[in-house]
């Protein structure tokens, strides 16, 4: 899946500093699931095929606002 196929929910309210896609972001897929971009976390070892990312609380709040929740 290409990034262009996703709906970006965050990174639009911080003065344009994330325009290159290099900041923590939350995306929504066509099927309604979410893709999260953030710093790799080593909080614990996830199961095979899964990964952990860490994103700031403000990014999640922005995603919730974008969805109107």
N, C-alpha and C. Protein backbone atom coordinates (compact mmCIF):
# COMPACT_ATOMS: atom_id res chain seq x y z
N UNK A 1 0.86 -1.18 0.00
CA UNK A 1 0.00 0.00 0.00
C UNK A 1 0.90 1.23 0.00
N UNK A 2 0.62 2.15 -0.87
CA UNK A 2 1.40 3.40 -0.95
C UNK A 2 0.81 4.45 -0.01
N UNK A 3 1.65 5.32 0.50
CA UNK A 3 1.20 6.37 1.40
C UNK A 3 0.10 7.22 0.76
N UNK A 4 0.19 7.42 -0.55
CA UNK A 4 -0.80 8.23 -1.26
C UNK A 4 -2.19 7.62 -1.22
N UNK A 5 -2.30 6.33 -0.91
CA UNK A 5 -3.60 5.66 -0.83
C UNK A 5 -4.25 5.84 0.53
N UNK A 6 -3.55 6.45 1.48
CA UNK A 6 -4.06 6.63 2.83
C UNK A 6 -4.56 8.05 3.04
N UNK A 7 -5.48 8.21 3.98
CA UNK A 7 -5.96 9.52 4.38
C UNK A 7 -5.16 9.96 5.59
N UNK A 8 -4.38 11.02 5.43
CA UNK A 8 -3.55 11.53 6.54
C UNK A 8 -4.44 12.33 7.48
N UNK A 9 -4.47 11.95 8.75
CA UNK A 9 -5.31 12.60 9.74
C UNK A 9 -4.56 13.63 10.57
N UNK A 10 -3.24 13.60 10.55
CA UNK A 10 -2.44 14.47 11.40
C UNK A 10 -1.32 15.11 10.60
N UNK A 11 -0.62 16.04 11.27
CA UNK A 11 0.51 16.70 10.64
C UNK A 11 0.14 17.93 9.85
N UNK A 12 -1.11 18.36 9.96
CA UNK A 12 -1.57 19.51 9.19
C UNK A 12 -1.74 20.77 10.03
N UNK A 13 -1.63 20.65 11.36
CA UNK A 13 -1.90 21.81 12.22
C UNK A 13 -0.66 22.32 12.93
N UNK A 14 0.52 21.91 12.53
CA UNK A 14 1.72 22.32 13.24
C UNK A 14 2.55 23.30 12.42
N UNK A 15 1.92 24.12 11.65
CA UNK A 15 2.63 25.12 10.88
C UNK A 15 3.32 24.58 9.64
N UNK A 16 2.95 23.40 9.21
CA UNK A 16 3.52 22.84 8.00
C UNK A 16 4.88 22.19 8.18
N UNK A 17 5.29 21.96 9.41
CA UNK A 17 6.61 21.39 9.65
C UNK A 17 6.72 19.91 9.28
N UNK A 18 5.61 19.26 9.02
CA UNK A 18 5.64 17.83 8.69
C UNK A 18 5.28 17.60 7.23
N UNK A 19 5.47 18.55 6.40
CA UNK A 19 5.08 18.43 5.00
C UNK A 19 5.82 17.35 4.23
N UNK A 20 6.99 16.94 4.68
CA UNK A 20 7.77 15.93 3.99
C UNK A 20 7.42 14.52 4.46
N UNK A 21 6.46 14.38 5.37
CA UNK A 21 6.06 13.06 5.85
C UNK A 21 7.05 12.45 6.82
N UNK A 22 7.89 13.29 7.44
CA UNK A 22 8.93 12.76 8.31
C UNK A 22 8.62 12.94 9.79
N UNK A 23 7.38 13.21 10.14
CA UNK A 23 6.97 13.39 11.53
C UNK A 23 5.98 12.30 11.93
N UNK A 24 5.77 12.09 13.23
CA UNK A 24 4.76 11.14 13.66
C UNK A 24 3.40 11.52 13.06
N UNK A 25 2.71 10.55 12.52
CA UNK A 25 1.41 10.79 11.89
C UNK A 25 0.50 9.60 12.08
N UNK A 26 -0.80 9.84 11.93
CA UNK A 26 -1.81 8.78 11.92
C UNK A 26 -2.52 8.87 10.58
N UNK A 27 -2.68 7.73 9.94
CA UNK A 27 -3.35 7.63 8.64
C UNK A 27 -4.52 6.67 8.77
N UNK A 28 -5.53 6.85 7.92
CA UNK A 28 -6.67 5.93 7.87
C UNK A 28 -6.67 5.25 6.51
N UNK A 29 -6.92 3.93 6.52
CA UNK A 29 -6.97 3.17 5.28
C UNK A 29 -8.39 3.18 4.72
N UNK A 30 -8.53 2.74 3.48
CA UNK A 30 -9.87 2.65 2.88
C UNK A 30 -10.79 1.71 3.64
N UNK A 31 -10.21 0.70 4.29
CA UNK A 31 -11.03 -0.26 5.05
C UNK A 31 -11.39 0.24 6.44
N UNK A 32 -10.86 1.42 6.84
CA UNK A 32 -11.19 2.00 8.14
C UNK A 32 -10.19 1.70 9.23
N UNK A 33 -9.14 0.95 8.92
CA UNK A 33 -8.11 0.72 9.94
C UNK A 33 -7.12 1.88 9.93
N UNK A 34 -6.16 1.85 10.84
CA UNK A 34 -5.22 2.96 11.00
C UNK A 34 -3.79 2.50 10.82
N UNK A 35 -2.98 3.37 10.26
CA UNK A 35 -1.54 3.17 10.15
C UNK A 35 -0.90 4.30 10.93
N UNK A 36 0.02 3.95 11.83
CA UNK A 36 0.65 4.93 12.69
C UNK A 36 2.14 5.01 12.34
N UNK A 37 2.62 6.23 12.12
CA UNK A 37 4.03 6.48 11.84
C UNK A 37 4.63 7.17 13.06
N UNK A 38 5.73 6.64 13.56
CA UNK A 38 6.37 7.25 14.71
C UNK A 38 7.75 6.68 14.92
N UNK A 39 8.34 7.07 16.02
CA UNK A 39 9.67 6.56 16.38
C UNK A 39 9.55 5.10 16.82
N UNK A 40 10.49 4.29 16.42
CA UNK A 40 10.51 2.89 16.82
C UNK A 40 10.67 2.81 18.34
N UNK A 41 9.84 1.99 18.97
CA UNK A 41 9.89 1.82 20.42
C UNK A 41 10.48 0.46 20.76
N UNK A 42 11.19 0.43 21.87
CA UNK A 42 11.74 -0.83 22.37
C UNK A 42 11.13 -1.17 23.74
N UNK A 43 9.88 -0.72 23.97
CA UNK A 43 9.22 -0.93 25.26
C UNK A 43 9.11 -2.42 25.59
N UNK A 44 8.85 -3.25 24.62
CA UNK A 44 8.82 -4.70 24.77
C UNK A 44 8.97 -5.31 23.39
N UNK A 45 9.18 -6.60 23.34
CA UNK A 45 9.32 -7.28 22.05
C UNK A 45 7.95 -7.75 21.59
N UNK A 46 7.45 -7.21 20.48
CA UNK A 46 6.12 -7.61 20.00
C UNK A 46 6.18 -8.98 19.31
N UNK A 47 5.02 -9.59 19.10
CA UNK A 47 4.97 -10.86 18.39
C UNK A 47 5.51 -10.71 16.97
N UNK A 48 5.92 -11.80 16.38
CA UNK A 48 6.41 -11.80 15.00
C UNK A 48 5.39 -11.17 14.08
N UNK A 49 5.85 -10.31 13.18
CA UNK A 49 4.97 -9.66 12.22
C UNK A 49 4.38 -8.35 12.71
N UNK A 50 4.65 -7.99 13.96
CA UNK A 50 4.13 -6.75 14.52
C UNK A 50 5.29 -5.84 14.90
N UNK A 51 5.00 -4.55 15.06
CA UNK A 51 6.02 -3.59 15.45
C UNK A 51 5.44 -2.57 16.41
N UNK A 52 6.29 -1.89 17.11
CA UNK A 52 5.87 -0.85 18.05
C UNK A 52 6.39 0.50 17.58
N UNK A 53 5.52 1.51 17.64
CA UNK A 53 5.96 2.87 17.39
C UNK A 53 5.47 3.74 18.53
N UNK A 54 6.16 4.83 18.75
CA UNK A 54 5.81 5.77 19.81
C UNK A 54 5.51 7.11 19.16
N UNK A 55 4.32 7.66 19.48
CA UNK A 55 3.94 8.96 18.93
C UNK A 55 3.45 9.85 20.06
N UNK A 56 3.61 11.16 19.93
CA UNK A 56 3.17 12.09 20.97
C UNK A 56 1.65 12.09 21.14
N UNK A 57 1.20 12.36 22.36
CA UNK A 57 -0.23 12.44 22.65
C UNK A 57 -0.93 13.45 21.74
N UNK A 58 -0.27 14.57 21.45
CA UNK A 58 -0.91 15.60 20.61
C UNK A 58 -1.25 15.07 19.21
N UNK A 59 -0.48 14.11 18.72
CA UNK A 59 -0.77 13.53 17.41
C UNK A 59 -2.06 12.71 17.47
N UNK A 60 -2.24 11.92 18.53
CA UNK A 60 -3.48 11.16 18.68
C UNK A 60 -4.68 12.08 18.85
N UNK A 61 -4.50 13.15 19.63
CA UNK A 61 -5.60 14.11 19.81
C UNK A 61 -6.00 14.75 18.47
N UNK A 62 -5.00 15.08 17.66
CA UNK A 62 -5.28 15.65 16.36
C UNK A 62 -6.04 14.67 15.47
N UNK A 63 -5.67 13.39 15.53
CA UNK A 63 -6.35 12.37 14.73
C UNK A 63 -7.82 12.24 15.16
N UNK A 64 -8.06 12.26 16.47
CA UNK A 64 -9.42 12.18 16.98
C UNK A 64 -10.25 13.38 16.51
N UNK A 65 -9.66 14.58 16.56
CA UNK A 65 -10.37 15.78 16.07
C UNK A 65 -10.67 15.65 14.58
N UNK A 66 -9.71 15.16 13.81
CA UNK A 66 -9.91 15.03 12.36
C UNK A 66 -11.06 14.08 12.04
N UNK A 67 -11.26 13.07 12.89
CA UNK A 67 -12.34 12.11 12.67
C UNK A 67 -13.67 12.60 13.24
N UNK A 68 -13.65 13.70 14.00
CA UNK A 68 -14.88 14.24 14.59
C UNK A 68 -15.37 13.43 15.77
N UNK A 69 -14.49 12.72 16.45
CA UNK A 69 -14.89 11.89 17.60
C UNK A 69 -14.93 12.70 18.86
